PDB file of N, CA and C in Angstrom:
ATOM      1  N   MET A   1      25.063  29.307 -28.245  1.00  0.00           N
ATOM      2  CA  MET A   1      24.244  29.676 -27.108  1.00  0.00           C
ATOM      3  C   MET A   1      22.795  29.842 -27.558  1.00  0.00           C
ATOM      4  N   VAL A   2      21.926  29.458 -26.684  1.00  0.00           N
ATOM      5  CA  VAL A   2      20.502  29.519 -27.004  1.00  0.00           C
ATOM      6  C   VAL A   2      20.034  30.964 -27.152  1.00  0.00           C
ATOM      7  N   LEU A   3      20.474  31.840 -26.245  1.00  0.00           N
ATOM      8  CA  LEU A   3      20.026  33.235 -26.294  1.00  0.00           C
ATOM      9  C   LEU A   3      20.448  33.914 -27.592  1.00  0.00           C
ATOM     10  N   VAL A   4      21.646  33.653 -28.045  1.00  0.00           N
ATOM     11  CA  VAL A   4      22.123  34.237 -29.307  1.00  0.00           C
ATOM     12  C   VAL A   4      21.241  33.764 -30.460  1.00  0.00           C
ATOM     13  N   ASN A   5      20.878  32.478 -30.449  1.00  0.00           N
ATOM     14  CA  ASN A   5      20.026  31.941 -31.515  1.00  0.00           C
ATOM     15  C   ASN A   5      18.621  32.517 -31.457  1.00  0.00           C
ATOM     16  N   VAL A   6      18.084  32.692 -30.263  1.00  0.00           N
ATOM     17  CA  VAL A   6      16.758  33.298 -30.120  1.00  0.00           C
ATOM     18  C   VAL A   6      16.781  34.735 -30.639  1.00  0.00           C
ATOM     19  N   LEU A   7      17.818  35.469 -30.296  1.00  0.00           N
ATOM     20  CA  LEU A   7      17.949  36.845 -30.789  1.00  0.00           C
ATOM     21  C   LEU A   7      18.090  36.879 -32.307  1.00  0.00           C
ATOM     22  N   GLU A   8      18.783  35.907 -32.867  1.00  0.00           N
ATOM     23  CA  GLU A   8      18.941  35.845 -34.324  1.00  0.00           C
ATOM     24  C   GLU A   8      17.588  35.600 -35.008  1.00  0.00           C
ATOM     25  N   VAL A   9      16.812  34.689 -34.458  1.00  0.00           N
ATOM     26  CA  VAL A   9      15.473  34.421 -35.014  1.00  0.00           C
ATOM     27  C   VAL A   9      14.608  35.669 -34.901  1.00  0.00           C
ATOM     28  N   LEU A  10      14.666  36.337 -33.760  1.00  0.00           N
ATOM     29  CA  LEU A  10      13.883  37.561 -33.576  1.00  0.00           C
ATOM     30  C   LEU A  10      14.299  38.628 -34.579  1.00  0.00           C
ATOM     31  N   LYS A  11      15.581  38.742 -34.817  1.00  0.00           N
ATOM     32  CA  LYS A  11      16.081  39.728 -35.795  1.00  0.00           C
ATOM     33  C   LYS A  11      15.501  39.439 -37.181  1.00  0.00           C
ATOM     34  N   TRP A  12      15.487  38.161 -37.582  1.00  0.00           N
ATOM     35  CA  TRP A  12      14.955  37.805 -38.897  1.00  0.00           C
ATOM     36  C   TRP A  12      13.439  37.993 -38.951  1.00  0.00           C
ATOM     37  N   LEU A  13      12.745  37.751 -37.855  1.00  0.00           N
ATOM     38  CA  LEU A  13      11.294  37.997 -37.840  1.00  0.00           C
ATOM     39  C   LEU A  13      11.000  39.489 -38.006  1.00  0.00           C
ATOM     40  N   ILE A  14      11.827  40.333 -37.420  1.00  0.00           N
ATOM     41  CA  ILE A  14      11.647  41.785 -37.577  1.00  0.00           C
ATOM     42  C   ILE A  14      11.897  42.183 -39.032  1.00  0.00           C
ATOM     43  N   ILE A  15      12.895  41.602 -39.656  1.00  0.00           N
ATOM     44  CA  ILE A  15      13.162  41.889 -41.073  1.00  0.00           C
ATOM     45  C   ILE A  15      11.994  41.430 -41.932  1.00  0.00           C
ATOM     46  N   VAL A  16      11.486  40.236 -41.663  1.00  0.00           N
ATOM     47  CA  VAL A  16      10.329  39.731 -42.414  1.00  0.00           C
ATOM     48  C   VAL A  16       9.133  40.656 -42.225  1.00  0.00           C
ATOM     49  N   ARG A  17       8.914  41.103 -40.996  1.00  0.00           N
ATOM     50  CA  ARG A  17       7.786  42.005 -40.744  1.00  0.00           C
ATOM     51  C   ARG A  17       7.940  43.318 -41.511  1.00  0.00           C
ATOM     52  N   ALA A  18       9.147  43.852 -41.539  1.00  0.00           N
ATOM     53  CA  ALA A  18       9.371  45.097 -42.277  1.00  0.00           C
ATOM     54  C   ALA A  18       9.083  44.894 -43.763  1.00  0.00           C
ATOM     55  N   LEU A  19       9.512  43.773 -44.310  1.00  0.00           N
ATOM     56  CA  LEU A  19       9.231  43.477 -45.722  1.00  0.00           C
ATOM     57  C   LEU A  19       7.742  43.238 -45.942  1.00  0.00           C
ATOM     58  N   MET A  20       7.090  42.584 -44.979  1.00  0.00           N
ATOM     59  CA  MET A  20       5.644  42.344 -45.100  1.00  0.00           C
ATOM     60  C   MET A  20       4.866  43.656 -45.175  1.00  0.00           C
ATOM     61  N   SER A  21       5.370  44.682 -44.511  1.00  0.00           N
ATOM     62  CA  SER A  21       4.649  45.955 -44.510  1.00  0.00           C
ATOM     63  C   SER A  21       4.542  46.539 -45.917  1.00  0.00           C
ATOM     64  N   TRP A  22       5.407  46.119 -46.818  1.00  0.00           N
ATOM     65  CA  TRP A  22       5.348  46.582 -48.202  1.00  0.00           C
ATOM     66  C   TRP A  22       4.377  45.773 -49.046  1.00  0.00           C
ATOM     67  N   PHE A  23       4.194  44.492 -48.709  1.00  0.00           N
ATOM     68  CA  PHE A  23       3.468  43.587 -49.593  1.00  0.00           C
ATOM     69  C   PHE A  23       2.173  43.003 -49.035  1.00  0.00           C
ATOM     70  N   VAL A  24       1.999  42.992 -47.717  1.00  0.00           N
ATOM     71  CA  VAL A  24       0.859  42.324 -47.097  1.00  0.00           C
ATOM     72  C   VAL A  24      -0.098  43.359 -46.526  1.00  0.00           C
ATOM     73  N   ASP A  25      -1.388  43.142 -46.765  1.00  0.00           N
ATOM     74  CA  ASP A  25      -2.426  44.024 -46.230  1.00  0.00           C
ATOM     75  C   ASP A  25      -2.348  44.026 -44.705  1.00  0.00           C
ATOM     76  N   PRO A  26      -2.295  45.203 -44.072  1.00  0.00           N
ATOM     77  CA  PRO A  26      -2.179  45.264 -42.613  1.00  0.00           C
ATOM     78  C   PRO A  26      -3.356  44.612 -41.879  1.00  0.00           C
ATOM     79  N   ARG A  27      -4.474  44.464 -42.563  1.00  0.00           N
ATOM     80  CA  ARG A  27      -5.641  43.833 -41.933  1.00  0.00           C
ATOM     81  C   ARG A  27      -5.714  42.343 -42.237  1.00  0.00           C
ATOM     82  N   SER A  28      -4.664  41.776 -42.763  1.00  0.00           N
ATOM     83  CA  SER A  28      -4.640  40.370 -43.152  1.00  0.00           C
ATOM     84  C   SER A  28      -4.977  39.474 -41.957  1.00  0.00           C
ATOM     85  N   ALA A  29      -5.810  38.469 -42.199  1.00  0.00           N
ATOM     86  CA  ALA A  29      -6.196  37.521 -41.153  1.00  0.00           C
ATOM     87  C   ALA A  29      -5.354  36.252 -41.230  1.00  0.00           C
ATOM     88  N   ASN A  30      -4.325  36.251 -42.045  1.00  0.00           N
ATOM     89  CA  ASN A  30      -3.458  35.085 -42.170  1.00  0.00           C
ATOM     90  C   ASN A  30      -2.822  34.786 -40.813  1.00  0.00           C
ATOM     91  N   PRO A  31      -2.922  33.531 -40.330  1.00  0.00           N
ATOM     92  CA  PRO A  31      -2.386  33.208 -39.000  1.00  0.00           C
ATOM     93  C   PRO A  31      -0.872  33.413 -38.881  1.00  0.00           C
ATOM     94  N   LEU A  32      -0.122  33.147 -39.945  1.00  0.00           N
ATOM     95  CA  LEU A  32       1.318  33.348 -39.890  1.00  0.00           C
ATOM     96  C   LEU A  32       1.653  34.833 -39.768  1.00  0.00           C
ATOM     97  N   VAL A  33       0.954  35.658 -40.512  1.00  0.00           N
ATOM     98  CA  VAL A  33       1.162  37.106 -40.445  1.00  0.00           C
ATOM     99  C   VAL A  33       0.826  37.607 -39.045  1.00  0.00           C
ATOM    100  N   ALA A  34      -0.300  37.139 -38.499  1.00  0.00           N
ATOM    101  CA  ALA A  34      -0.707  37.549 -37.150  1.00  0.00           C
ATOM    102  C   ALA A  34       0.317  37.112 -36.109  1.00  0.00           C
ATOM    103  N   TRP A  35       0.875  35.907 -36.267  1.00  0.00           N
ATOM    104  CA  TRP A  35       1.870  35.416 -35.314  1.00  0.00           C
ATOM    105  C   TRP A  35       3.144  36.261 -35.371  1.00  0.00           C
ATOM    106  N   ILE A  36       3.605  36.571 -36.586  1.00  0.00           N
ATOM    107  CA  ILE A  36       4.814  37.390 -36.731  1.00  0.00           C
ATOM    108  C   ILE A  36       4.584  38.766 -36.125  1.00  0.00           C
ATOM    109  N   ARG A  37       3.421  39.344 -36.371  1.00  0.00           N
ATOM    110  CA  ARG A  37       3.120  40.659 -35.784  1.00  0.00           C
ATOM    111  C   ARG A  37       3.092  40.582 -34.265  1.00  0.00           C
ATOM    112  N   GLY A  38       2.482  39.526 -33.730  1.00  0.00           N
ATOM    113  CA  GLY A  38       2.406  39.381 -32.279  1.00  0.00           C
ATOM    114  C   GLY A  38       3.777  39.261 -31.629  1.00  0.00           C
ATOM    115  N   VAL A  39       4.641  38.456 -32.228  1.00  0.00           N
ATOM    116  CA  VAL A  39       5.981  38.256 -31.672  1.00  0.00           C
ATOM    117  C   VAL A  39       6.793  39.544 -31.764  1.00  0.00           C
ATOM    118  N   THR A  40       6.745  40.194 -32.892  1.00  0.00           N
ATOM    119  CA  THR A  40       7.580  41.384 -33.081  1.00  0.00           C
ATOM    120  C   THR A  40       7.015  42.619 -32.388  1.00  0.00           C
ATOM    121  N   ASP A  41       5.702  42.671 -32.183  1.00  0.00           N
ATOM    122  CA  ASP A  41       5.115  43.814 -31.461  1.00  0.00           C
ATOM    123  C   ASP A  41       5.655  43.923 -30.046  1.00  0.00           C
ATOM    124  N   ALA A  42       6.002  42.788 -29.438  1.00  0.00           N
ATOM    125  CA  ALA A  42       6.542  42.804 -28.085  1.00  0.00           C
ATOM    126  C   ALA A  42       7.864  43.569 -28.021  1.00  0.00           C
ATOM    127  N   VAL A  43       8.600  43.584 -29.122  1.00  0.00           N
ATOM    128  CA  VAL A  43       9.880  44.297 -29.171  1.00  0.00           C
ATOM    129  C   VAL A  43       9.701  45.690 -29.763  1.00  0.00           C
ATOM    130  N   LEU A  44       8.936  45.779 -30.836  1.00  0.00           N
ATOM    131  CA  LEU A  44       8.825  47.048 -31.556  1.00  0.00           C
ATOM    132  C   LEU A  44       7.946  48.069 -30.831  1.00  0.00           C
ATOM    133  N   GLY A  45       6.938  47.615 -30.117  1.00  0.00           N
ATOM    134  CA  GLY A  45       6.021  48.525 -29.430  1.00  0.00           C
ATOM    135  C   GLY A  45       6.715  49.482 -28.473  1.00  0.00           C
ATOM    136  N   PRO A  46       7.513  48.960 -27.531  1.00  0.00           N
ATOM    137  CA  PRO A  46       8.214  49.877 -26.611  1.00  0.00           C
ATOM    138  C   PRO A  46       9.192  50.815 -27.320  1.00  0.00           C
ATOM    139  N   ILE A  47       9.822  50.343 -28.372  1.00  0.00           N
ATOM    140  CA  ILE A  47      10.752  51.204 -29.114  1.00  0.00           C
ATOM    141  C   ILE A  47       9.982  52.320 -29.805  1.00  0.00           C
ATOM    142  N   ARG A  48       8.829  51.981 -30.394  1.00  0.00           N
ATOM    143  CA  ARG A  48       8.001  53.004 -31.055  1.00  0.00           C
ATOM    144  C   ARG A  48       7.577  54.091 -30.082  1.00  0.00           C
ATOM    145  N   SER A  49       7.283  53.690 -28.850  1.00  0.00           N
ATOM    146  CA  SER A  49       6.818  54.688 -27.874  1.00  0.00           C
ATOM    147  C   SER A  49       7.938  55.649 -27.468  1.00  0.00           C
ATOM    148  N   LEU A  50       9.189  55.240 -27.646  1.00  0.00           N
ATOM    149  CA  LEU A  50      10.321  56.099 -27.288  1.00  0.00           C
ATOM    150  C   LEU A  50      10.793  56.979 -28.439  1.00  0.00           C
ATOM    151  N   LEU A  51      10.543  56.552 -29.668  1.00  0.00           N
ATOM    152  CA  LEU A  51      11.015  57.310 -30.830  1.00  0.00           C
ATOM    153  C   LEU A  51      10.072  58.467 -31.143  1.00  0.00           C
ATOM    154  N   PRO A  52      10.628  59.591 -31.548  1.00  0.00           N
ATOM    155  CA  PRO A  52       9.758  60.698 -31.976  1.00  0.00           C
ATOM    156  C   PRO A  52       9.113  60.369 -33.323  1.00  0.00           C
ATOM    157  N   GLY A  53       8.015  61.038 -33.627  1.00  0.00           N
ATOM    158  CA  GLY A  53       7.348  60.845 -34.911  1.00  0.00           C
ATOM    159  C   GLY A  53       8.269  61.231 -36.060  1.00  0.00           C
ATOM    160  N   MET A  54       8.273  60.405 -37.096  1.00  0.00           N
ATOM    161  CA  MET A  54       9.158  60.647 -38.230  1.00  0.00           C
ATOM    162  C   MET A  54       8.359  60.861 -39.515  1.00  0.00           C
ATOM    163  N   GLY A  55       7.194  61.460 -39.414  1.00  0.00           N
ATOM    164  CA  GLY A  55       6.407  61.732 -40.607  1.00  0.00           C
ATOM    165  C   GLY A  55       5.912  60.485 -41.306  1.00  0.00           C
ATOM    166  N   GLY A  56       5.490  59.496 -40.536  1.00  0.00           N
ATOM    167  CA  GLY A  56       4.950  58.275 -41.120  1.00  0.00           C
ATOM    168  C   GLY A  56       5.981  57.194 -41.363  1.00  0.00           C
ATOM    169  N   MET A  57       7.241  57.491 -41.114  1.00  0.00           N
ATOM    170  CA  MET A  57       8.284  56.489 -41.305  1.00  0.00           C
ATOM    171  C   MET A  57       8.574  55.807 -39.973  1.00  0.00           C
ATOM    172  N   ASP A  58       8.509  54.474 -39.955  1.00  0.00           N
ATOM    173  CA  ASP A  58       8.727  53.707 -38.738  1.00  0.00           C
ATOM    174  C   ASP A  58      10.167  53.202 -38.697  1.00  0.00           C
ATOM    175  N   LEU A  59      10.959  53.774 -37.812  1.00  0.00           N
ATOM    176  CA  LEU A  59      12.354  53.367 -37.688  1.00  0.00           C
ATOM    177  C   LEU A  59      12.568  52.339 -36.584  1.00  0.00           C
ATOM    178  N   SER A  60      11.489  51.907 -35.930  1.00  0.00           N
ATOM    179  CA  SER A  60      11.643  50.960 -34.823  1.00  0.00           C
ATOM    180  C   SER A  60      12.273  49.632 -35.246  1.00  0.00           C
ATOM    181  N   PRO A  61      11.993  49.078 -36.442  1.00  0.00           N
ATOM    182  CA  PRO A  61      12.698  47.849 -36.814  1.00  0.00           C
ATOM    183  C   PRO A  61      14.209  48.041 -36.909  1.00  0.00           C
ATOM    184  N   LEU A  62      14.641  49.165 -37.438  1.00  0.00           N
ATOM    185  CA  LEU A  62      16.070  49.446 -37.547  1.00  0.00           C
ATOM    186  C   LEU A  62      16.718  49.546 -36.169  1.00  0.00           C
ATOM    187  N   VAL A  63      16.060  50.249 -35.257  1.00  0.00           N
ATOM    188  CA  VAL A  63      16.581  50.392 -33.897  1.00  0.00           C
ATOM    189  C   VAL A  63      16.598  49.032 -33.195  1.00  0.00           C
ATOM    190  N   ALA A  64      15.539  48.247 -33.370  1.00  0.00           N
ATOM    191  CA  ALA A  64      15.472  46.930 -32.733  1.00  0.00           C
ATOM    192  C   ALA A  64      16.587  46.022 -33.235  1.00  0.00           C
ATOM    193  N   ILE A  65      16.829  46.019 -34.525  1.00  0.00           N
ATOM    194  CA  ILE A  65      17.895  45.174 -35.084  1.00  0.00           C
ATOM    195  C   ILE A  65      19.251  45.621 -34.548  1.00  0.00           C
ATOM    196  N   LEU A  66      19.468  46.916 -34.463  1.00  0.00           N
ATOM    197  CA  LEU A  66      20.725  47.428 -33.909  1.00  0.00           C
ATOM    198  C   LEU A  66      20.895  46.985 -32.458  1.00  0.00           C
ATOM    199  N   LEU A  67      19.838  47.097 -31.656  1.00  0.00           N
ATOM    200  CA  LEU A  67      19.910  46.681 -30.252  1.00  0.00           C
ATOM    201  C   LEU A  67      20.144  45.174 -30.119  1.00  0.00           C
ATOM    202  N   ILE A  68      19.520  44.398 -30.981  1.00  0.00           N
ATOM    203  CA  ILE A  68      19.729  42.946 -30.946  1.00  0.00           C
ATOM    204  C   ILE A  68      21.174  42.616 -31.295  1.00  0.00           C
ATOM    205  N   GLN A  69      21.717  43.285 -32.301  1.00  0.00           N
ATOM    206  CA  GLN A  69      23.108  43.033 -32.676  1.00  0.00           C
ATOM    207  C   GLN A  69      24.074  43.437 -31.554  1.00  0.00           C
ATOM    208  N   LEU A  70      23.764  44.527 -30.874  1.00  0.00           N
ATOM    209  CA  LEU A  70      24.597  44.932 -29.734  1.00  0.00           C
ATOM    210  C   LEU A  70      24.526  43.906 -28.617  1.00  0.00           C
ATOM    211  N   ALA A  71      23.335  43.385 -28.359  1.00  0.00           N
ATOM    212  CA  ALA A  71      23.170  42.363 -27.328  1.00  0.00           C
ATOM    213  C   ALA A  71      23.932  41.096 -27.708  1.00  0.00           C
ATOM    214  N   GLN A  72      23.846  40.703 -28.970  1.00  0.00           N
ATOM    215  CA  GLN A  72      24.586  39.520 -29.420  1.00  0.00           C
ATOM    216  C   GLN A  72      26.085  39.730 -29.267  1.00  0.00           C
ATOM    217  N   GLN A  73      26.555  40.904 -29.624  1.00  0.00           N
ATOM    218  CA  GLN A  73      27.991  41.190 -29.491  1.00  0.00           C
ATOM    219  C   GLN A  73      28.412  41.165 -28.030  1.00  0.00           C
ATOM    220  N   ALA A  74      27.575  41.685 -27.135  1.00  0.00           N
ATOM    221  CA  ALA A  74      27.893  41.662 -25.707  1.00  0.00           C
ATOM    222  C   ALA A  74      27.955  40.221 -25.199  1.00  0.00           C
ATOM    223  N   ILE A  75      27.067  39.376 -25.699  1.00  0.00           N
ATOM    224  CA  ILE A  75      27.084  37.972 -25.298  1.00  0.00           C
ATOM    225  C   ILE A  75      28.357  37.297 -25.794  1.00  0.00           C
ATOM    226  N   TYR A  76      28.720  37.580 -27.052  1.00  0.00           N
ATOM    227  CA  TYR A  76      29.933  36.982 -27.623  1.00  0.00           C
ATOM    228  C   TYR A  76      31.188  37.382 -26.855  1.00  0.00           C
ATOM    229  N   SER A  77      31.271  38.641 -26.459  1.00  0.00           N
ATOM    230  CA  SER A  77      32.511  39.139 -25.853  1.00  0.00           C
ATOM    231  C   SER A  77      32.486  39.125 -24.331  1.00  0.00           C
ATOM    232  N   GLY A  78      31.338  38.822 -23.732  1.00  0.00           N
ATOM    233  CA  GLY A  78      31.229  38.798 -22.274  1.00  0.00           C
ATOM    234  C   GLY A  78      31.872  37.573 -21.670  1.00  0.00           C
ATOM    235  N   PRO A  79      31.846  37.492 -20.333  1.00  0.00           N
ATOM    236  CA  PRO A  79      32.417  36.308 -19.669  1.00  0.00           C
ATOM    237  C   PRO A  79      31.673  35.049 -20.086  1.00  0.00           C
ATOM    238  N   GLY A  80      32.416  34.067 -20.466  1.00  0.00           N
ATOM    239  CA  GLY A  80      31.810  32.813 -20.915  1.00  0.00           C
ATOM    240  C   GLY A  80      31.323  32.856 -22.341  1.00  0.00           C
ATOM    241  N   GLY A  81      31.530  33.983 -23.023  1.00  0.00           N
ATOM    242  CA  GLY A  81      31.115  34.105 -24.424  1.00  0.00           C
ATOM    243  C   GLY A  81      32.036  33.326 -25.326  1.00  0.00           C
ATOM    244  N   TYR A  82      31.647  33.254 -26.593  1.00  0.00           N
ATOM    245  CA  TYR A  82      32.507  32.540 -27.539  1.00  0.00           C
ATOM    246  C   TYR A  82      32.939  33.398 -28.677  1.00  0.00           C
TER     247      TYR A  82
END
Protein backbone atom coordinates (compact mmCIF):
# COMPACT_ATOMS: atom_id res chain seq x y z
CA MET A 1 0.00 0.00 0.00
CA VAL A 2 1.17 3.47 -0.81
CA LEU A 3 0.19 4.95 2.57
CA VAL A 4 2.18 2.32 4.47
CA ASN A 5 5.24 3.09 2.31
CA VAL A 6 4.85 6.85 2.80
CA LEU A 7 4.63 6.33 6.56
CA GLU A 8 7.73 4.13 6.44
CA VAL A 9 9.71 6.82 4.61
CA LEU A 10 8.49 9.43 7.10
CA LYS A 11 9.56 7.21 9.99
CA TRP A 12 13.08 6.89 8.53
CA LEU A 13 13.28 10.65 7.89
CA ILE A 14 12.44 11.24 11.56
CA ILE A 15 15.19 8.81 12.59
CA VAL A 16 17.66 10.56 10.28
CA ARG A 17 16.66 13.92 11.72
CA ALA A 18 17.17 12.68 15.28
CA LEU A 19 20.64 11.42 14.34
CA MET A 20 21.40 14.68 12.52
CA SER A 21 20.72 16.58 15.73
CA TRP A 22 23.86 14.97 17.16
CA PHE A 23 26.17 15.63 14.21
CA VAL A 24 24.86 18.51 12.07
CA ASP A 25 24.93 22.20 12.99
CA PRO A 26 21.31 23.33 13.54
CA ARG A 27 22.00 26.43 11.43
CA SER A 28 23.25 24.36 8.49
CA ALA A 29 22.25 25.77 5.09
CA ASN A 30 22.60 22.38 3.39
CA PRO A 31 19.52 21.92 1.16
CA LEU A 32 19.10 18.25 2.09
CA VAL A 33 19.20 19.07 5.80
CA ALA A 34 16.69 21.89 5.28
CA TRP A 35 14.38 19.57 3.31
CA ILE A 36 14.48 16.86 5.99
CA ARG A 37 13.74 19.44 8.68
CA GLY A 38 10.87 20.87 6.65
CA VAL A 39 9.25 17.48 6.06
CA THR A 40 9.64 16.27 9.62
CA ASP A 41 8.64 19.59 11.24
CA ALA A 42 5.14 19.05 9.86
CA VAL A 43 4.86 15.96 12.08
CA LEU A 44 7.09 16.84 15.02
CA GLY A 45 5.85 20.40 15.56
CA PRO A 46 2.31 19.52 16.71
CA ILE A 47 3.64 16.71 18.90
CA ARG A 48 6.14 19.08 20.54
CA SER A 49 3.35 21.50 21.36
CA LEU A 50 1.46 18.74 23.21
CA LEU A 51 4.39 17.31 25.17
CA PRO A 52 5.45 18.88 28.45
CA GLY A 53 8.97 20.27 28.75
CA MET A 54 11.50 17.55 29.50
CA GLY A 55 14.50 19.64 30.53
CA GLY A 56 15.90 20.06 27.04
CA MET A 57 15.19 16.52 25.92
CA ASP A 58 12.99 16.26 22.81
CA LEU A 59 10.85 13.13 22.90
CA SER A 60 8.71 14.11 19.90
CA PRO A 61 10.62 11.85 17.46
CA LEU A 62 9.98 8.85 19.72
CA VAL A 63 6.28 9.68 20.02
CA ALA A 64 5.99 10.29 16.26
CA ILE A 65 7.61 6.95 15.43
CA LEU A 66 5.28 5.18 17.86
CA LEU A 67 2.23 6.86 16.30
CA ILE A 68 3.41 5.99 12.79
CA GLN A 69 3.89 2.36 13.78
CA LEU A 70 0.41 2.28 15.31
CA ALA A 71 -1.04 3.75 12.12
CA GLN A 72 0.80 1.18 10.02
CA GLN A 73 -0.47 -1.63 12.22
CA ALA A 74 -4.04 -0.30 11.94
CA ILE A 75 -3.68 -0.25 8.16
CA TYR A 76 -2.33 -3.81 8.13
CA SER A 77 -5.12 -5.19 10.32
CA GLY A 78 -7.99 -3.00 9.08
CA PRO A 79 -10.51 -3.87 6.38
CA GLY A 80 -8.70 -4.46 3.14
CA GLY A 81 -5.35 -4.58 4.94
CA TYR A 82 -2.71 -7.16 4.26
